[in-house]
N, C-alpha and C. Protein backbone atom coordinates (compact mmCIF):
# COMPACT_ATOMS: atom_id res chain seq x y z
N MET A 1 -40.86 1.86 -34.65
CA MET A 1 -39.72 2.25 -35.44
C MET A 1 -38.41 2.05 -34.68
N ALA A 2 -38.53 1.43 -33.52
CA ALA A 2 -37.34 1.19 -32.71
C ALA A 2 -36.31 0.34 -33.45
N GLY A 3 -36.77 -0.55 -34.32
CA GLY A 3 -35.82 -1.36 -35.08
C GLY A 3 -34.89 -0.50 -35.91
N PHE A 4 -35.40 0.55 -36.52
CA PHE A 4 -34.56 1.47 -37.29
C PHE A 4 -33.63 2.25 -36.38
N LYS A 5 -34.18 2.68 -35.26
CA LYS A 5 -33.40 3.48 -34.31
C LYS A 5 -32.17 2.70 -33.82
N TYR A 6 -32.33 1.38 -33.68
CA TYR A 6 -31.23 0.55 -33.19
C TYR A 6 -30.45 -0.14 -34.30
N GLY A 7 -30.63 0.30 -35.55
CA GLY A 7 -29.83 -0.19 -36.66
C GLY A 7 -30.20 -1.57 -37.18
N LEU A 8 -31.43 -2.02 -36.95
CA LEU A 8 -31.83 -3.36 -37.38
C LEU A 8 -32.40 -3.39 -38.80
N ASN A 9 -32.59 -2.24 -39.42
CA ASN A 9 -33.08 -2.12 -40.79
C ASN A 9 -34.49 -2.65 -41.01
N HIS A 10 -35.28 -2.73 -39.95
CA HIS A 10 -36.69 -3.10 -40.08
C HIS A 10 -37.44 -2.61 -38.84
N PRO A 11 -38.75 -2.40 -38.99
CA PRO A 11 -39.55 -1.98 -37.84
C PRO A 11 -39.88 -3.17 -36.96
N HIS A 12 -40.46 -2.87 -35.79
CA HIS A 12 -41.02 -3.91 -34.93
C HIS A 12 -42.51 -3.68 -34.86
N PRO A 13 -43.36 -4.60 -35.26
CA PRO A 13 -43.02 -5.88 -35.85
C PRO A 13 -42.46 -5.72 -37.25
N THR A 14 -41.85 -6.76 -37.76
CA THR A 14 -41.23 -6.70 -39.08
C THR A 14 -42.28 -6.57 -40.18
N GLU A 15 -41.82 -6.22 -41.36
CA GLU A 15 -42.71 -6.08 -42.51
C GLU A 15 -43.49 -7.37 -42.79
N ASP A 16 -42.83 -8.51 -42.68
CA ASP A 16 -43.51 -9.79 -42.93
C ASP A 16 -44.67 -10.02 -41.96
N ILE A 17 -44.47 -9.67 -40.72
CA ILE A 17 -45.54 -9.83 -39.73
C ILE A 17 -46.68 -8.87 -40.02
N LEU A 18 -46.36 -7.63 -40.40
CA LEU A 18 -47.41 -6.67 -40.75
C LEU A 18 -48.22 -7.17 -41.95
N LYS A 19 -47.53 -7.70 -42.96
CA LYS A 19 -48.22 -8.23 -44.14
C LYS A 19 -49.13 -9.39 -43.76
N ARG A 20 -48.63 -10.30 -42.95
CA ARG A 20 -49.43 -11.46 -42.55
C ARG A 20 -50.65 -11.04 -41.74
N TYR A 21 -50.47 -10.09 -40.84
CA TYR A 21 -51.59 -9.56 -40.07
C TYR A 21 -52.67 -9.04 -41.01
N ARG A 22 -52.25 -8.29 -42.02
CA ARG A 22 -53.21 -7.74 -42.99
C ARG A 22 -53.88 -8.85 -43.79
N GLU A 23 -53.10 -9.84 -44.24
CA GLU A 23 -53.66 -10.97 -44.99
C GLU A 23 -54.73 -11.71 -44.19
N LEU A 24 -54.55 -11.79 -42.90
CA LEU A 24 -55.49 -12.48 -42.02
C LEU A 24 -56.69 -11.61 -41.65
N GLY A 25 -56.76 -10.41 -42.22
CA GLY A 25 -57.91 -9.53 -41.99
C GLY A 25 -57.67 -8.41 -41.00
N GLY A 26 -56.45 -8.29 -40.50
CA GLY A 26 -56.14 -7.23 -39.56
C GLY A 26 -56.32 -5.86 -40.18
N GLU A 27 -56.98 -4.98 -39.47
CA GLU A 27 -57.21 -3.62 -39.96
C GLU A 27 -56.74 -2.55 -38.99
N ILE A 28 -56.94 -2.79 -37.71
CA ILE A 28 -56.60 -1.77 -36.72
C ILE A 28 -55.12 -1.84 -36.41
N LEU A 29 -54.43 -0.76 -36.71
CA LEU A 29 -52.99 -0.66 -36.54
C LEU A 29 -52.69 0.69 -35.91
N THR A 30 -52.14 0.66 -34.71
CA THR A 30 -51.73 1.90 -34.06
C THR A 30 -50.21 1.99 -34.10
N LEU A 31 -49.69 3.19 -34.04
CA LEU A 31 -48.26 3.42 -34.18
C LEU A 31 -47.68 3.99 -32.91
N GLY A 32 -46.44 3.63 -32.63
CA GLY A 32 -45.74 4.18 -31.47
C GLY A 32 -44.25 4.21 -31.73
N SER A 33 -43.54 5.05 -31.02
CA SER A 33 -42.11 5.20 -31.26
C SER A 33 -41.25 4.59 -30.17
N ASP A 34 -41.84 4.12 -29.08
CA ASP A 34 -41.08 3.55 -27.97
C ASP A 34 -39.96 4.50 -27.53
N ALA A 35 -40.29 5.79 -27.48
CA ALA A 35 -39.29 6.82 -27.19
C ALA A 35 -38.95 6.87 -25.71
N HIS A 36 -37.67 6.84 -25.42
CA HIS A 36 -37.19 6.99 -24.05
C HIS A 36 -36.39 8.28 -23.90
N ALA A 37 -36.31 9.03 -24.99
CA ALA A 37 -35.63 10.32 -24.99
C ALA A 37 -36.36 11.22 -25.98
N PRO A 38 -36.40 12.52 -25.73
CA PRO A 38 -37.13 13.43 -26.62
C PRO A 38 -36.73 13.32 -28.09
N GLU A 39 -35.47 13.12 -28.36
CA GLU A 39 -35.02 13.06 -29.76
C GLU A 39 -35.48 11.78 -30.48
N HIS A 40 -36.03 10.84 -29.75
CA HIS A 40 -36.51 9.60 -30.37
C HIS A 40 -38.01 9.60 -30.65
N ILE A 41 -38.70 10.65 -30.25
CA ILE A 41 -40.13 10.76 -30.53
C ILE A 41 -40.32 10.85 -32.04
N ALA A 42 -41.15 9.96 -32.57
CA ALA A 42 -41.45 9.89 -34.01
C ALA A 42 -40.20 9.64 -34.85
N TYR A 43 -39.25 8.90 -34.32
CA TYR A 43 -38.01 8.61 -35.03
C TYR A 43 -38.31 7.87 -36.33
N ASP A 44 -37.85 8.42 -37.44
CA ASP A 44 -37.94 7.82 -38.77
C ASP A 44 -39.37 7.54 -39.22
N TYR A 45 -40.33 8.29 -38.71
CA TYR A 45 -41.73 8.06 -39.09
C TYR A 45 -41.98 8.33 -40.57
N CYS A 46 -41.09 9.02 -41.23
CA CYS A 46 -41.26 9.29 -42.65
C CYS A 46 -41.27 7.99 -43.46
N ARG A 47 -40.73 6.92 -42.90
CA ARG A 47 -40.69 5.63 -43.58
C ARG A 47 -42.00 4.84 -43.43
N LEU A 48 -42.83 5.21 -42.49
CA LEU A 48 -44.02 4.42 -42.18
C LEU A 48 -45.01 4.31 -43.32
N SER A 49 -45.26 5.38 -44.02
CA SER A 49 -46.26 5.35 -45.09
C SER A 49 -45.94 4.26 -46.10
N GLY A 50 -44.71 4.19 -46.55
CA GLY A 50 -44.32 3.17 -47.52
C GLY A 50 -44.40 1.76 -46.95
N ILE A 51 -43.99 1.59 -45.71
CA ILE A 51 -44.03 0.28 -45.06
C ILE A 51 -45.48 -0.20 -44.94
N LEU A 52 -46.34 0.68 -44.50
CA LEU A 52 -47.75 0.31 -44.34
C LEU A 52 -48.42 0.01 -45.67
N LYS A 53 -48.16 0.84 -46.67
CA LYS A 53 -48.72 0.60 -48.00
C LYS A 53 -48.23 -0.72 -48.58
N ASP A 54 -46.95 -1.01 -48.44
CA ASP A 54 -46.39 -2.27 -48.94
C ASP A 54 -47.02 -3.48 -48.24
N ALA A 55 -47.42 -3.31 -46.99
CA ALA A 55 -48.04 -4.40 -46.24
C ALA A 55 -49.54 -4.52 -46.54
N GLY A 56 -50.08 -3.59 -47.32
CA GLY A 56 -51.49 -3.66 -47.70
C GLY A 56 -52.43 -2.80 -46.90
N PHE A 57 -51.89 -1.93 -46.06
CA PHE A 57 -52.74 -1.06 -45.25
C PHE A 57 -53.03 0.24 -45.99
N THR A 58 -54.26 0.72 -45.85
CA THR A 58 -54.64 2.01 -46.44
C THR A 58 -54.83 3.06 -45.37
N HIS A 59 -54.79 2.64 -44.08
CA HIS A 59 -55.01 3.57 -42.98
C HIS A 59 -54.34 3.04 -41.71
N TYR A 60 -54.22 3.94 -40.75
CA TYR A 60 -53.78 3.57 -39.41
C TYR A 60 -54.81 4.14 -38.44
N THR A 61 -54.70 3.77 -37.19
CA THR A 61 -55.76 4.08 -36.24
C THR A 61 -55.24 4.86 -35.03
N VAL A 62 -56.03 5.83 -34.61
CA VAL A 62 -55.80 6.56 -33.37
C VAL A 62 -57.08 6.38 -32.55
N PHE A 63 -56.93 6.11 -31.28
CA PHE A 63 -58.10 5.96 -30.43
C PHE A 63 -58.35 7.25 -29.65
N GLN A 64 -59.59 7.70 -29.67
CA GLN A 64 -60.01 8.84 -28.87
C GLN A 64 -61.27 8.42 -28.12
N LYS A 65 -61.22 8.54 -26.80
CA LYS A 65 -62.33 8.12 -25.95
C LYS A 65 -62.72 6.66 -26.25
N ARG A 66 -61.70 5.84 -26.43
CA ARG A 66 -61.84 4.40 -26.66
C ARG A 66 -62.51 4.03 -27.97
N LYS A 67 -62.60 4.97 -28.89
CA LYS A 67 -63.19 4.69 -30.20
C LYS A 67 -62.12 4.90 -31.27
N PRO A 68 -62.05 3.96 -32.22
CA PRO A 68 -61.04 4.09 -33.27
C PRO A 68 -61.40 5.18 -34.28
N ILE A 69 -60.41 5.95 -34.64
CA ILE A 69 -60.52 6.94 -35.71
C ILE A 69 -59.47 6.57 -36.73
N PHE A 70 -59.89 6.39 -37.97
CA PHE A 70 -59.01 5.92 -39.03
C PHE A 70 -58.49 7.09 -39.86
N TYR A 71 -57.18 7.08 -40.08
CA TYR A 71 -56.52 8.09 -40.92
C TYR A 71 -55.86 7.39 -42.09
N LYS A 72 -55.99 7.99 -43.25
CA LYS A 72 -55.37 7.40 -44.43
C LYS A 72 -53.86 7.37 -44.27
N THR A 73 -53.26 6.30 -44.74
CA THR A 73 -51.81 6.18 -44.72
C THR A 73 -51.24 7.31 -45.56
N GLY A 74 -50.28 8.01 -45.01
CA GLY A 74 -49.66 9.12 -45.71
C GLY A 74 -50.30 10.47 -45.41
N SER A 75 -51.35 10.50 -44.60
CA SER A 75 -51.97 11.80 -44.29
C SER A 75 -51.52 12.31 -42.95
């Protein structure tokens, strides 16, 4: 979400890249905020659900003990 934080009006990677990744069969998607200050942790994460859904994702992934755990987008 650093792109939004820096006024670029899109996430990194961009929506087009996320869509293409999904079209090519990509499923595992982890999220990060690239926070360098406490106030930037989870910056604008409220926008993620819509971005991910528009790109064709139904879930995102968190790894625990090196195993993926899938969470529904928006949960």
